[in-house]
Structures are given as structure tokens and as C-alpha cells.
Amino acid sequence: MDEHRQYLEEQYEVLREAERAVGIYGQRLESLAEAVQPHLQARSLKVQHNHRKIDQQNRLLSLWQQERICLYHHPIKEALKKKKRDYGYLRDLQTAHPSVESRNTGQVFCDASQCLH
């Protein structure tokens, strides 16, 4: 029991030394929140500022990436690639099935033996 009491007294002294170092020694427990509040407010403002700064950086980065994508993937180039792809697919389809209608001219390509056009 004496060992436990000695341990608690040592812990109490450590706590008092910490209170002295912080500057709240001898204050009542209700005022402890008031003593700590300015530090918490300053920390929360710093955290909020950092979050705003990170959000702005992410927004700028996303805008930069969108601009970069627009530069490298120009819509006309993409349209030309699709047109070439579709034309090649249509040409292959016409050779496999001669009665396939052309998208560009509206003509019907057919073998004379298959249709009467």
C-alpha cells in the first residue's frame, strides 16, 4: 500500500511540474479549458488554412490536367480517328456482306445476283 501511495505522489509531482511549465499551476479545473482554448483556436485556424490551401492546389491541378488533356486529345483528332475506324469497319463489313448500305452516300452495295436494284 505504501508503494502505491509513493507512486501516486510521484505522479502528482510530475503533473504539478507539467502545470508549472505550461503556466496553469494552481488554477481551477474550470479555467483549464480557458487556458488551453487560445492554443486550440490557433491550431484549428492553421488546420483550416492548410485545408483551404490544399483545396486550391487540387483545383488548380485539376484545371491544369483538363487543359493538358484538351491539348493532347484535340476533339478534331479524335473525330478523325473515329471516322477512320468506322470507315475501315464499314469497308470490311461491305467486303464480307456486299449488300451493306454506305453511311456516306446512302447507296446500297449489292451483288447483282443478290438484289434487283
Protein backbone atom coordinates (compact mmCIF):
# COMPACT_ATOMS: atom_id res chain seq x y z
CA MET A 1 0.00 0.00 0.00
CA ASP A 2 2.87 2.34 0.80
CA GLU A 3 4.44 1.63 -2.59
CA HIS A 4 1.20 2.56 -4.32
CA ARG A 5 0.93 5.78 -2.32
CA GLN A 6 4.52 6.68 -3.16
CA TYR A 7 3.82 6.01 -6.87
CA LEU A 8 0.76 8.30 -6.78
CA GLU A 9 2.74 11.06 -5.05
CA GLU A 10 5.44 10.85 -7.72
CA GLN A 11 2.81 11.08 -10.45
CA TYR A 12 1.24 14.05 -8.68
CA GLU A 13 4.61 15.84 -8.61
CA VAL A 14 5.14 15.12 -12.30
CA LEU A 15 1.71 16.60 -13.03
CA ARG A 16 2.46 19.71 -10.96
CA GLU A 17 5.78 20.24 -12.76
CA ALA A 18 3.98 19.98 -16.10
CA GLU A 19 1.40 22.54 -14.92
CA ARG A 20 4.18 24.92 -13.89
CA ALA A 21 5.90 24.54 -17.24
CA VAL A 22 2.69 25.35 -19.12
CA GLY A 23 1.75 28.17 -16.77
CA ILE A 24 -1.50 26.84 -15.36
CA TYR A 25 -0.24 25.78 -11.94
CA GLY A 26 -2.75 26.40 -9.18
CA GLN A 27 -5.66 27.28 -11.47
CA ARG A 28 -9.04 25.68 -11.02
CA LEU A 29 -10.17 22.94 -13.36
CA GLU A 30 -12.93 25.12 -14.90
CA SER A 31 -10.35 27.62 -16.09
CA LEU A 32 -8.20 24.92 -17.65
CA ALA A 33 -10.35 24.98 -20.79
CA GLU A 34 -9.96 28.76 -20.91
CA ALA A 35 -6.19 28.43 -20.60
CA VAL A 36 -5.99 25.88 -23.40
CA GLN A 37 -8.61 27.50 -25.66
CA PRO A 38 -6.29 30.04 -27.41
CA HIS A 39 -3.89 27.26 -28.35
CA LEU A 40 -6.73 25.14 -29.74
CA GLN A 41 -8.16 28.06 -31.69
CA ALA A 42 -4.79 28.88 -33.21
CA ARG A 43 -4.27 25.24 -34.16
CA SER A 44 -7.74 24.92 -35.73
CA LEU A 45 -7.22 28.10 -37.77
CA LYS A 46 -3.92 26.74 -39.04
CA VAL A 47 -5.56 23.43 -39.98
CA GLN A 48 -8.41 25.23 -41.77
CA HIS A 49 -5.92 27.38 -43.66
CA ASN A 50 -3.95 24.31 -44.71
CA HIS A 51 -7.14 22.59 -45.94
CA ARG A 52 -8.09 25.66 -47.98
CA LYS A 53 -4.60 25.81 -49.43
CA ILE A 54 -4.70 22.10 -50.36
CA ASP A 55 -8.16 22.52 -51.95
CA GLN A 56 -6.89 25.43 -54.04
CA GLN A 57 -3.85 23.44 -55.13
CA ASN A 58 -6.03 20.45 -56.08
CA ARG A 59 -8.40 22.72 -58.01
CA LEU A 60 -5.51 24.30 -59.92
CA LEU A 61 -4.02 20.88 -60.59
CA SER A 62 -7.32 19.54 -61.94
CA LEU A 63 -7.72 22.60 -64.19
CA TRP A 64 -4.17 22.16 -65.44
CA GLN A 65 -4.81 18.48 -66.15
CA GLN A 66 -8.00 19.31 -68.04
CA GLU A 67 -6.14 21.86 -70.16
CA ARG A 68 -3.36 19.37 -70.79
CA ILE A 69 -5.85 16.69 -71.83
CA CYS A 70 -7.52 19.15 -74.19
CA LEU A 71 -4.16 19.95 -75.75
CA TYR A 72 -3.14 16.35 -76.27
CA HIS A 73 -6.58 14.98 -77.15
CA HIS A 74 -7.93 17.53 -79.55
CA PRO A 75 -11.58 16.79 -80.45
CA ILE A 76 -10.92 17.01 -84.20
CA LYS A 77 -8.15 14.43 -83.97
CA GLU A 78 -10.43 12.13 -82.03
CA ALA A 79 -13.18 12.62 -84.61
CA LEU A 80 -10.77 11.78 -87.43
CA LYS A 81 -9.65 8.63 -85.66
CA LYS A 82 -13.25 7.54 -85.16
CA LYS A 83 -14.08 8.32 -88.77
CA LYS A 84 -11.13 6.25 -89.99
CA ARG A 85 -12.08 3.43 -87.65
CA ASP A 86 -15.71 3.48 -88.79
CA TYR A 87 -14.70 3.68 -92.45
CA GLY A 88 -12.39 0.69 -92.06
CA TYR A 89 -15.10 -1.25 -90.24
CA LEU A 90 -17.65 -0.36 -92.92
CA ARG A 91 -15.24 -1.34 -95.71
CA ASP A 92 -14.57 -4.70 -94.04
CA LEU A 93 -18.28 -5.21 -93.50
CA GLN A 94 -19.01 -4.42 -97.14
CA THR A 95 -16.48 -6.94 -98.35
CA ALA A 96 -17.94 -9.60 -96.07
CA HIS A 97 -21.59 -8.70 -96.82
CA PRO A 98 -21.97 -6.98 -100.21
CA SER A 99 -25.50 -5.63 -99.56
CA VAL A 100 -24.49 -3.28 -96.72
CA GLU A 101 -25.62 0.33 -97.11
CA SER A 102 -22.96 3.01 -97.18
CA ARG A 103 -23.33 5.65 -94.47
CA ASN A 104 -21.84 8.46 -96.52
CA THR A 105 -23.71 8.15 -99.81
CA GLY A 106 -26.82 6.21 -98.91
CA GLN A 107 -26.14 3.82 -101.78
CA VAL A 108 -26.81 0.15 -101.46
CA PHE A 109 -23.85 -2.00 -102.33
CA CYS A 110 -25.01 -5.35 -103.52
CA ASP A 111 -24.06 -8.11 -105.80
CA ALA A 112 -26.17 -8.27 -108.95
CA SER A 113 -27.11 -11.84 -108.17
CA GLN A 114 -28.41 -10.93 -104.68
CA CYS A 115 -30.66 -7.93 -105.41
CA LEU A 116 -32.58 -6.34 -108.26
CA HIS A 117 -31.57 -2.68 -107.71
